[in-house]
């Protein structure tokens, strides 16, 4: 039995929602046991992104400029011609994914990293987004620890506790 078969996400935690006018932002905070440099590589390197992220990138996200992001786990890949707008290693990464602004902040925390993700997202998708990122960040944590279980995105996430997380986050956010 692989580590992947044993994986189940913990309870919904570490997320909040902010509303600014008609814009909604999902904010997820994770404390990881790895230094910011290692987490930064996982967030920016295309081969690393293939291990955990819900999209593939056609180049490193560690430099400002155009990039193509292709969704994974959807019946048809959605390809976004997008921009990395801020890449300040290993502390701040900002880019657009489709119509959504993504902002990743990495702060040293002892030997590890406090990772904060801000994701502008349509109100109707906030709990789904929180559930999806919860699983992706669990997989990221294992990958950076040298214990990869392979990315879990799209329909496959249904087998790994996504429906429960979606319900828990919807309750927490009162949506």
N, C-alpha and C. Protein backbone atom coordinates (compact mmCIF):
# COMPACT_ATOMS: atom_id res chain seq x y z
N UNK A 1 0.86 -1.19 0.00
CA UNK A 1 0.00 0.00 0.00
C UNK A 1 0.90 1.24 0.00
N UNK A 2 0.69 2.13 -0.96
CA UNK A 2 1.53 3.32 -1.04
C UNK A 2 1.06 4.38 -0.06
N UNK A 3 1.94 5.35 0.19
CA UNK A 3 1.56 6.48 1.03
C UNK A 3 0.33 7.18 0.48
N UNK A 4 0.21 7.16 -0.85
CA UNK A 4 -0.92 7.81 -1.50
C UNK A 4 -2.24 7.17 -1.05
N UNK A 5 -2.24 5.83 -0.97
CA UNK A 5 -3.47 5.13 -0.58
C UNK A 5 -3.87 5.46 0.86
N UNK A 6 -2.89 5.79 1.68
CA UNK A 6 -3.15 6.07 3.09
C UNK A 6 -3.52 7.53 3.32
N UNK A 7 -3.31 8.37 2.30
CA UNK A 7 -3.54 9.81 2.50
C UNK A 7 -5.01 10.14 2.68
N UNK A 8 -5.32 10.88 3.73
CA UNK A 8 -6.62 11.52 3.89
C UNK A 8 -6.38 12.88 4.52
N UNK A 9 -6.98 13.94 3.98
CA UNK A 9 -6.75 15.26 4.55
C UNK A 9 -7.35 15.39 5.94
N UNK A 10 -6.69 16.21 6.76
CA UNK A 10 -7.24 16.52 8.07
C UNK A 10 -8.44 17.45 7.93
N UNK A 11 -9.01 17.89 9.07
CA UNK A 11 -10.17 18.76 9.01
C UNK A 11 -9.85 20.13 8.38
N UNK A 12 -10.88 20.76 7.86
CA UNK A 12 -10.75 22.10 7.29
C UNK A 12 -10.17 23.04 8.34
N UNK A 13 -9.08 23.73 7.98
CA UNK A 13 -8.42 24.62 8.94
C UNK A 13 -7.48 25.55 8.20
N UNK A 14 -7.16 26.68 8.82
CA UNK A 14 -6.13 27.57 8.28
C UNK A 14 -6.57 28.38 7.09
N UNK A 15 -7.90 28.55 6.93
CA UNK A 15 -8.38 29.33 5.79
C UNK A 15 -9.36 30.39 6.26
N UNK A 16 -9.38 31.51 5.55
CA UNK A 16 -10.39 32.53 5.80
C UNK A 16 -10.77 33.18 4.49
N UNK A 17 -11.86 33.94 4.53
CA UNK A 17 -12.36 34.62 3.34
C UNK A 17 -12.46 36.10 3.64
N UNK A 18 -12.04 36.93 2.69
CA UNK A 18 -12.22 38.38 2.81
C UNK A 18 -13.02 38.88 1.63
N UNK A 19 -13.90 39.83 1.91
CA UNK A 19 -14.70 40.43 0.85
C UNK A 19 -14.31 41.90 0.76
N UNK A 20 -14.01 42.34 -0.46
CA UNK A 20 -13.65 43.74 -0.68
C UNK A 20 -14.48 44.22 -1.87
N UNK A 21 -15.56 44.95 -1.58
CA UNK A 21 -16.48 45.32 -2.65
C UNK A 21 -17.11 44.05 -3.18
N UNK A 22 -17.00 43.81 -4.49
CA UNK A 22 -17.55 42.57 -5.04
C UNK A 22 -16.46 41.54 -5.29
N UNK A 23 -15.26 41.79 -4.75
CA UNK A 23 -14.15 40.84 -4.89
C UNK A 23 -14.04 39.98 -3.63
N UNK A 24 -13.86 38.69 -3.83
CA UNK A 24 -13.68 37.75 -2.73
C UNK A 24 -12.27 37.18 -2.80
N UNK A 25 -11.65 37.04 -1.64
CA UNK A 25 -10.31 36.46 -1.58
C UNK A 25 -10.30 35.32 -0.57
N UNK A 26 -9.80 34.19 -1.03
CA UNK A 26 -9.57 33.04 -0.16
C UNK A 26 -8.13 33.17 0.34
N UNK A 27 -7.94 33.05 1.65
CA UNK A 27 -6.59 33.14 2.24
C UNK A 27 -6.32 31.84 3.00
N UNK A 28 -5.26 31.16 2.60
CA UNK A 28 -4.87 29.90 3.24
C UNK A 28 -3.49 30.07 3.85
N UNK A 29 -3.34 29.65 5.09
CA UNK A 29 -2.06 29.73 5.78
C UNK A 29 -1.64 28.33 6.19
N UNK A 30 -0.40 27.99 5.87
CA UNK A 30 0.16 26.68 6.24
C UNK A 30 1.53 26.88 6.87
N UNK A 31 1.79 26.15 7.93
CA UNK A 31 3.14 26.14 8.51
C UNK A 31 3.81 24.86 8.04
N UNK A 32 4.90 25.03 7.31
CA UNK A 32 5.61 23.88 6.73
C UNK A 32 6.95 23.71 7.44
N UNK A 33 7.42 22.47 7.48
CA UNK A 33 8.66 22.17 8.21
C UNK A 33 9.90 22.37 7.34
N UNK A 34 9.77 23.03 6.22
CA UNK A 34 10.88 23.16 5.27
C UNK A 34 11.24 24.63 5.11
N UNK A 35 12.53 24.93 4.84
CA UNK A 35 12.95 26.33 4.71
C UNK A 35 12.35 26.98 3.46
N UNK A 36 12.20 28.31 3.48
CA UNK A 36 11.58 29.02 2.35
C UNK A 36 12.20 28.69 0.99
N UNK A 37 13.51 28.48 0.92
CA UNK A 37 14.17 28.20 -0.37
C UNK A 37 13.61 26.92 -0.99
N UNK A 38 13.39 25.89 -0.15
CA UNK A 38 12.86 24.61 -0.68
C UNK A 38 11.40 24.77 -1.10
N UNK A 39 10.63 25.53 -0.31
CA UNK A 39 9.22 25.74 -0.65
C UNK A 39 9.12 26.58 -1.93
N UNK A 40 9.98 27.60 -2.04
CA UNK A 40 10.01 28.46 -3.23
C UNK A 40 10.21 27.63 -4.50
N UNK A 41 11.16 26.70 -4.44
CA UNK A 41 11.43 25.85 -5.62
C UNK A 41 10.18 25.05 -5.98
N UNK A 42 9.49 24.52 -4.98
CA UNK A 42 8.27 23.74 -5.23
C UNK A 42 7.17 24.60 -5.86
N UNK A 43 7.15 25.89 -5.53
CA UNK A 43 6.12 26.80 -6.05
C UNK A 43 6.44 27.31 -7.45
N UNK A 44 7.71 27.23 -7.87
CA UNK A 44 8.11 27.90 -9.11
C UNK A 44 8.65 26.97 -10.20
N UNK A 45 9.25 25.85 -9.81
CA UNK A 45 9.91 24.96 -10.76
C UNK A 45 8.88 24.07 -11.46
N UNK A 46 8.85 24.08 -12.81
CA UNK A 46 7.82 23.31 -13.52
C UNK A 46 7.77 21.82 -13.15
N UNK A 47 8.93 21.19 -12.97
CA UNK A 47 8.93 19.76 -12.61
C UNK A 47 8.34 19.57 -11.21
N UNK A 48 8.62 20.50 -10.30
CA UNK A 48 8.05 20.43 -8.95
C UNK A 48 6.55 20.67 -8.98
N UNK A 49 6.10 21.65 -9.76
CA UNK A 49 4.66 21.94 -9.87
C UNK A 49 3.89 20.70 -10.33
N UNK A 50 4.50 19.91 -11.21
CA UNK A 50 3.83 18.68 -11.70
C UNK A 50 3.60 17.67 -10.60
N UNK A 51 4.29 17.82 -9.48
CA UNK A 51 4.12 16.88 -8.36
C UNK A 51 2.92 17.21 -7.47
N UNK A 52 2.43 18.46 -7.51
CA UNK A 52 1.39 18.83 -6.54
C UNK A 52 0.36 19.85 -7.03
N UNK A 53 0.69 20.70 -8.00
CA UNK A 53 -0.17 21.83 -8.35
C UNK A 53 -1.31 21.44 -9.28
N UNK A 54 -2.40 22.24 -9.28
CA UNK A 54 -3.52 21.93 -10.17
C UNK A 54 -3.29 22.39 -11.61
N UNK A 55 -2.07 22.81 -11.92
CA UNK A 55 -1.75 23.23 -13.28
C UNK A 55 -0.29 22.90 -13.58
N UNK A 56 0.04 22.87 -14.88
CA UNK A 56 1.42 22.77 -15.35
C UNK A 56 1.83 24.15 -15.85
N UNK A 57 3.10 24.47 -15.75
CA UNK A 57 3.64 25.74 -16.25
C UNK A 57 4.65 25.43 -17.35
N UNK A 58 4.68 26.29 -18.38
CA UNK A 58 5.61 26.04 -19.50
C UNK A 58 7.00 26.60 -19.22
N UNK A 59 7.19 27.23 -18.06
CA UNK A 59 8.51 27.71 -17.67
C UNK A 59 8.50 27.94 -16.16
N UNK A 60 9.66 28.27 -15.61
CA UNK A 60 9.74 28.57 -14.18
C UNK A 60 8.93 29.83 -13.87
N UNK A 61 8.26 29.82 -12.72
CA UNK A 61 7.51 30.99 -12.26
C UNK A 61 8.41 31.94 -11.46
N UNK A 62 9.71 31.65 -11.39
CA UNK A 62 10.62 32.42 -10.56
C UNK A 62 11.07 33.73 -11.21
N UNK A 63 10.57 34.03 -12.41
CA UNK A 63 10.92 35.28 -13.08
C UNK A 63 9.65 35.93 -13.61
N UNK A 64 9.62 37.27 -13.54
CA UNK A 64 8.49 38.04 -14.05
C UNK A 64 8.38 37.87 -15.57
N UNK A 65 7.14 37.87 -16.07
CA UNK A 65 6.92 37.79 -17.51
C UNK A 65 5.84 36.81 -17.86
N UNK A 66 5.62 36.61 -19.18
CA UNK A 66 4.54 35.73 -19.62
C UNK A 66 4.81 34.26 -19.31
N UNK A 67 3.73 33.54 -19.04
CA UNK A 67 3.82 32.10 -18.79
C UNK A 67 2.49 31.47 -19.19
N UNK A 68 2.54 30.21 -19.63
CA UNK A 68 1.32 29.47 -19.93
C UNK A 68 1.07 28.49 -18.79
N UNK A 69 -0.13 28.56 -18.21
CA UNK A 69 -0.53 27.61 -17.18
C UNK A 69 -1.66 26.75 -17.75
N UNK A 70 -1.52 25.43 -17.67
CA UNK A 70 -2.53 24.50 -18.18
C UNK A 70 -3.12 23.71 -17.02
N UNK A 71 -4.43 23.78 -16.87
CA UNK A 71 -5.08 23.02 -15.80
C UNK A 71 -4.87 21.53 -16.02
N UNK A 72 -4.90 20.79 -14.92
CA UNK A 72 -4.71 19.34 -14.95
C UNK A 72 -5.94 18.73 -14.28
N UNK A 73 -6.35 17.56 -14.74
CA UNK A 73 -7.46 16.86 -14.09
C UNK A 73 -8.81 17.33 -14.57
N UNK A 74 -8.84 18.18 -15.61
CA UNK A 74 -10.11 18.59 -16.22
C UNK A 74 -10.26 17.82 -17.53
N UNK A 75 -11.49 17.60 -18.00
CA UNK A 75 -11.67 16.84 -19.24
C UNK A 75 -10.87 17.44 -20.40
N UNK A 76 -10.86 18.77 -20.51
CA UNK A 76 -10.06 19.47 -21.51
C UNK A 76 -9.15 20.43 -20.78
N UNK A 77 -7.83 20.38 -21.01
CA UNK A 77 -6.96 21.34 -20.31
C UNK A 77 -7.34 22.77 -20.68
N UNK A 78 -7.48 23.61 -19.68
CA UNK A 78 -7.69 25.04 -19.91
C UNK A 78 -6.32 25.69 -19.89
N UNK A 79 -5.94 26.32 -20.99
CA UNK A 79 -4.62 26.94 -21.05
C UNK A 79 -4.78 28.45 -20.87
N UNK A 80 -4.13 28.98 -19.84
CA UNK A 80 -4.16 30.43 -19.59
C UNK A 80 -2.84 31.03 -20.03
N UNK A 81 -2.92 32.00 -20.95
CA UNK A 81 -1.74 32.81 -21.27
C UNK A 81 -1.72 33.88 -20.20
N UNK A 82 -0.74 33.85 -19.33
CA UNK A 82 -0.83 34.70 -18.16
C UNK A 82 0.50 35.37 -17.86
N UNK A 83 0.59 36.00 -16.73
CA UNK A 83 1.76 36.80 -16.36
C UNK A 83 2.19 36.49 -14.94
N UNK A 84 3.49 36.32 -14.74
CA UNK A 84 4.06 36.41 -13.40
C UNK A 84 4.35 37.89 -13.20
N UNK A 85 3.74 38.50 -12.19
CA UNK A 85 3.86 39.95 -11.99
C UNK A 85 4.86 40.30 -10.91
N UNK A 86 5.18 39.34 -10.04
CA UNK A 86 6.13 39.60 -8.95
C UNK A 86 6.81 38.28 -8.60
N UNK A 87 8.13 38.27 -8.59
CA UNK A 87 8.88 37.06 -8.22
C UNK A 87 10.10 37.49 -7.42
N UNK A 88 9.95 37.48 -6.12
CA UNK A 88 10.99 37.94 -5.21
C UNK A 88 11.40 36.75 -4.34
N UNK A 89 12.37 35.96 -4.84
CA UNK A 89 12.76 34.71 -4.16
C UNK A 89 13.46 35.01 -2.83
N UNK A 90 13.23 34.22 -1.78
CA UNK A 90 12.17 33.21 -1.68
C UNK A 90 11.01 33.73 -0.82
N UNK A 91 10.52 34.95 -1.07
CA UNK A 91 9.52 35.52 -0.16
C UNK A 91 8.17 35.81 -0.79
N UNK A 92 8.12 36.21 -2.07
CA UNK A 92 6.84 36.63 -2.63
C UNK A 92 6.73 36.25 -4.11
N UNK A 93 5.61 35.60 -4.46
CA UNK A 93 5.34 35.21 -5.84
C UNK A 93 3.90 35.62 -6.16
N UNK A 94 3.73 36.37 -7.26
CA UNK A 94 2.39 36.78 -7.68
C UNK A 94 2.22 36.50 -9.17
N UNK A 95 1.07 35.94 -9.52
CA UNK A 95 0.74 35.72 -10.93
C UNK A 95 -0.76 35.64 -11.06
N UNK A 96 -1.22 35.76 -12.31
CA UNK A 96 -2.63 35.54 -12.61
C UNK A 96 -2.80 34.11 -13.09
N UNK A 97 -3.91 33.49 -12.69
CA UNK A 97 -4.27 32.16 -13.19
C UNK A 97 -5.70 32.31 -13.69
N UNK A 98 -5.86 32.33 -15.01
CA UNK A 98 -7.17 32.64 -15.58
C UNK A 98 -7.54 34.06 -15.17
N UNK A 99 -8.71 34.21 -14.54
CA UNK A 99 -9.16 35.54 -14.09
C UNK A 99 -8.78 35.81 -12.64
N UNK A 100 -8.02 34.92 -12.03
CA UNK A 100 -7.76 35.02 -10.59
C UNK A 100 -6.33 35.46 -10.30
N UNK A 101 -6.20 36.38 -9.36
CA UNK A 101 -4.87 36.78 -8.88
C UNK A 101 -4.44 35.81 -7.80
N UNK A 102 -3.20 35.35 -7.89
CA UNK A 102 -2.62 34.44 -6.91
C UNK A 102 -1.42 35.13 -6.28
N UNK A 103 -1.36 35.10 -4.95
CA UNK A 103 -0.22 35.70 -4.25
C UNK A 103 0.26 34.73 -3.19
N UNK A 104 1.53 34.33 -3.28
CA UNK A 104 2.14 33.39 -2.33
C UNK A 104 3.19 34.15 -1.53
N UNK A 105 3.07 34.13 -0.22
CA UNK A 105 4.07 34.77 0.63
C UNK A 105 4.73 33.71 1.51
N UNK A 106 6.05 33.74 1.57
CA UNK A 106 6.81 32.78 2.36
C UNK A 106 7.57 33.55 3.44
N UNK A 107 7.33 33.18 4.70
CA UNK A 107 8.03 33.82 5.81
C UNK A 107 8.76 32.74 6.60
N UNK A 108 10.03 33.01 6.94
CA UNK A 108 10.76 32.04 7.77
C UNK A 108 10.04 31.85 9.10
N UNK A 109 9.97 30.62 9.56
CA UNK A 109 9.31 30.30 10.82
C UNK A 109 10.15 29.21 11.48
N UNK A 110 11.06 29.61 12.38
CA UNK A 110 12.00 28.65 12.94
C UNK A 110 12.80 28.04 11.81
N UNK A 111 12.81 26.69 11.74
CA UNK A 111 13.50 25.99 10.65
C UNK A 111 12.64 25.91 9.40
N UNK A 112 11.38 26.30 9.53
CA UNK A 112 10.44 26.09 8.44
C UNK A 112 9.94 27.38 7.80
N UNK A 113 8.73 27.32 7.28
CA UNK A 113 8.14 28.42 6.50
C UNK A 113 6.67 28.57 6.85
N UNK A 114 6.24 29.81 7.04
CA UNK A 114 4.80 30.09 7.05
C UNK A 114 4.43 30.50 5.63
N UNK A 115 3.60 29.69 4.99
CA UNK A 115 3.18 29.92 3.61
C UNK A 115 1.76 30.49 3.64
N UNK A 116 1.58 31.64 3.00
CA UNK A 116 0.24 32.23 2.89
C UNK A 116 -0.11 32.39 1.42
N UNK A 117 -1.28 31.88 1.05
CA UNK A 117 -1.79 32.02 -0.31
C UNK A 117 -3.03 32.91 -0.29
N UNK A 118 -3.02 33.96 -1.11
CA UNK A 118 -4.22 34.76 -1.36
C UNK A 118 -4.68 34.42 -2.76
N UNK A 119 -5.95 34.02 -2.90
CA UNK A 119 -6.50 33.62 -4.20
C UNK A 119 -7.81 34.36 -4.40
N UNK A 120 -7.83 35.33 -5.33
CA UNK A 120 -9.09 36.00 -5.67
C UNK A 120 -9.93 34.99 -6.42
N UNK A 121 -11.14 34.75 -5.94
CA UNK A 121 -11.94 33.66 -6.48
C UNK A 121 -13.41 34.04 -6.43
N UNK A 122 -14.15 33.55 -7.38
CA UNK A 122 -15.59 33.79 -7.41
C UNK A 122 -16.23 33.23 -6.14
N UNK A 123 -17.16 33.98 -5.55
CA UNK A 123 -17.77 33.58 -4.28
C UNK A 123 -18.32 32.15 -4.34
N UNK A 124 -18.89 31.78 -5.48
CA UNK A 124 -19.50 30.45 -5.61
C UNK A 124 -18.50 29.31 -5.56
N UNK A 125 -17.21 29.62 -5.69
CA UNK A 125 -16.19 28.56 -5.75
C UNK A 125 -15.27 28.57 -4.53
N UNK A 126 -15.54 29.44 -3.55
CA UNK A 126 -14.59 29.60 -2.44
C UNK A 126 -14.37 28.31 -1.65
N UNK A 127 -15.45 27.64 -1.23
CA UNK A 127 -15.24 26.42 -0.42
C UNK A 127 -14.61 25.32 -1.26
N UNK A 128 -14.96 25.24 -2.55
CA UNK A 128 -14.34 24.26 -3.45
C UNK A 128 -12.86 24.55 -3.60
N UNK A 129 -12.54 25.83 -3.79
CA UNK A 129 -11.14 26.23 -3.92
C UNK A 129 -10.35 25.91 -2.66
N UNK A 130 -10.95 26.20 -1.50
CA UNK A 130 -10.27 25.92 -0.23
C UNK A 130 -10.01 24.43 -0.08
N UNK A 131 -11.00 23.60 -0.44
CA UNK A 131 -10.84 22.15 -0.34
C UNK A 131 -9.74 21.66 -1.29
N UNK A 132 -9.75 22.19 -2.51
CA UNK A 132 -8.73 21.78 -3.49
C UNK A 132 -7.33 22.18 -3.07
N UNK A 133 -7.17 23.44 -2.63
CA UNK A 133 -5.84 23.89 -2.20
C UNK A 133 -5.39 23.15 -0.94
N UNK A 134 -6.32 22.83 -0.04
CA UNK A 134 -5.99 22.07 1.17
C UNK A 134 -5.27 20.78 0.77
N UNK A 135 -5.85 20.05 -0.18
CA UNK A 135 -5.25 18.79 -0.62
C UNK A 135 -3.93 19.05 -1.35
N UNK A 136 -3.91 20.04 -2.25
CA UNK A 136 -2.67 20.36 -2.99
C UNK A 136 -1.53 20.71 -2.02
N UNK A 137 -1.84 21.49 -0.97
CA UNK A 137 -0.79 21.89 -0.03
C UNK A 137 -0.32 20.72 0.82
N UNK A 138 -1.21 19.78 1.13
CA UNK A 138 -0.79 18.54 1.81
C UNK A 138 0.20 17.79 0.92
N UNK A 139 -0.11 17.68 -0.36
CA UNK A 139 0.74 16.95 -1.31
C UNK A 139 2.07 17.70 -1.48
N UNK A 140 2.01 19.04 -1.55
CA UNK A 140 3.22 19.87 -1.61
C UNK A 140 4.12 19.60 -0.41
N UNK A 141 3.54 19.58 0.78
CA UNK A 141 4.30 19.36 2.02
C UNK A 141 5.03 18.01 1.95
N UNK A 142 4.34 16.98 1.52
CA UNK A 142 4.96 15.65 1.41
C UNK A 142 6.05 15.63 0.34
N UNK A 143 5.79 16.29 -0.78
CA UNK A 143 6.78 16.34 -1.87
C UNK A 143 8.06 17.02 -1.39
N UNK A 144 7.94 18.17 -0.74
CA UNK A 144 9.13 18.90 -0.28
C UNK A 144 9.86 18.10 0.79
N UNK A 145 9.13 17.30 1.54
CA UNK A 145 9.74 16.46 2.59
C UNK A 145 10.44 15.23 2.00
N UNK A 146 10.37 15.06 0.66
CA UNK A 146 11.01 13.91 0.04
C UNK A 146 10.16 12.66 0.09
N UNK A 147 8.84 12.84 0.31
CA UNK A 147 7.93 11.72 0.42
C UNK A 147 6.75 11.94 -0.54
N UNK A 148 7.03 12.07 -1.86
CA UNK A 148 5.97 12.45 -2.80
C UNK A 148 4.89 11.38 -2.92
N UNK A 149 3.63 11.83 -3.02
CA UNK A 149 2.53 10.88 -3.23
C UNK A 149 1.84 11.13 -4.58
N UNK A 150 2.34 12.11 -5.34
CA UNK A 150 1.74 12.40 -6.65
C UNK A 150 0.56 13.33 -6.51
N UNK A 151 0.40 14.22 -7.48
CA UNK A 151 -0.65 15.23 -7.32
C UNK A 151 -2.04 14.62 -7.34
N UNK A 152 -2.93 15.28 -6.59
CA UNK A 152 -4.31 14.84 -6.44
C UNK A 152 -5.19 16.03 -6.80
N UNK A 153 -5.69 16.03 -8.04
CA UNK A 153 -6.46 17.19 -8.51
C UNK A 153 -7.66 16.70 -9.32
N UNK A 154 -8.57 17.61 -9.62
CA UNK A 154 -9.71 17.29 -10.45
C UNK A 154 -10.57 16.21 -9.83
N UNK A 155 -11.14 15.36 -10.67
CA UNK A 155 -12.06 14.33 -10.20
C UNK A 155 -11.43 13.36 -9.22
N UNK A 156 -10.13 13.17 -9.34
CA UNK A 156 -9.46 12.21 -8.44
C UNK A 156 -9.55 12.64 -6.99
N UNK A 157 -9.60 13.96 -6.75
CA UNK A 157 -9.67 14.46 -5.37
C UNK A 157 -10.92 13.96 -4.65
N UNK A 158 -11.97 13.58 -5.42
CA UNK A 158 -13.21 13.07 -4.82
C UNK A 158 -12.94 11.84 -3.96
N UNK A 159 -11.92 11.06 -4.33
CA UNK A 159 -11.60 9.83 -3.60
C UNK A 159 -10.76 10.12 -2.35
N UNK A 160 -10.33 11.38 -2.20
CA UNK A 160 -9.39 11.71 -1.12
C UNK A 160 -9.96 12.76 -0.17
N UNK A 161 -11.26 12.69 0.09
CA UNK A 161 -11.82 13.56 1.13
C UNK A 161 -12.23 14.95 0.68
N UNK A 162 -12.16 15.24 -0.63
CA UNK A 162 -12.53 16.57 -1.09
C UNK A 162 -13.99 16.93 -0.75
N UNK A 163 -14.97 16.02 -0.95
CA UNK A 163 -16.35 16.41 -0.65
C UNK A 163 -16.54 16.83 0.82
N UNK A 164 -15.91 16.09 1.73
CA UNK A 164 -16.01 16.45 3.16
C UNK A 164 -15.39 17.82 3.41
N UNK A 165 -14.21 18.06 2.85
CA UNK A 165 -13.55 19.36 3.04
C UNK A 165 -14.39 20.49 2.47
N UNK A 166 -14.96 20.28 1.31
CA UNK A 166 -15.80 21.29 0.67
C UNK A 166 -16.95 21.68 1.61
N UNK A 167 -17.59 20.67 2.21
CA UNK A 167 -18.70 20.91 3.14
C UNK A 167 -18.21 21.63 4.39
N UNK A 168 -17.07 21.19 4.95
CA UNK A 168 -16.53 21.82 6.17
C UNK A 168 -16.17 23.28 5.92
N UNK A 169 -15.51 23.57 4.80
CA UNK A 169 -15.14 24.96 4.51
C UNK A 169 -16.38 25.82 4.27
N UNK A 170 -17.38 25.26 3.58
CA UNK A 170 -18.61 26.02 3.33
C UNK A 170 -19.26 26.41 4.66
N UNK A 171 -19.24 25.49 5.65
CA UNK A 171 -19.78 25.81 6.97
C UNK A 171 -18.96 26.89 7.65
N UNK A 172 -17.62 26.72 7.63
CA UNK A 172 -16.73 27.70 8.27
C UNK A 172 -16.93 29.10 7.69
N UNK A 173 -17.08 29.16 6.37
CA UNK A 173 -17.19 30.46 5.69
C UNK A 173 -18.62 30.98 5.68
N UNK A 174 -19.55 30.13 6.18
CA UNK A 174 -20.95 30.52 6.23
C UNK A 174 -21.47 30.83 4.82
N UNK A 175 -21.15 29.96 3.87
CA UNK A 175 -21.57 30.17 2.48
C UNK A 175 -22.71 29.20 2.16
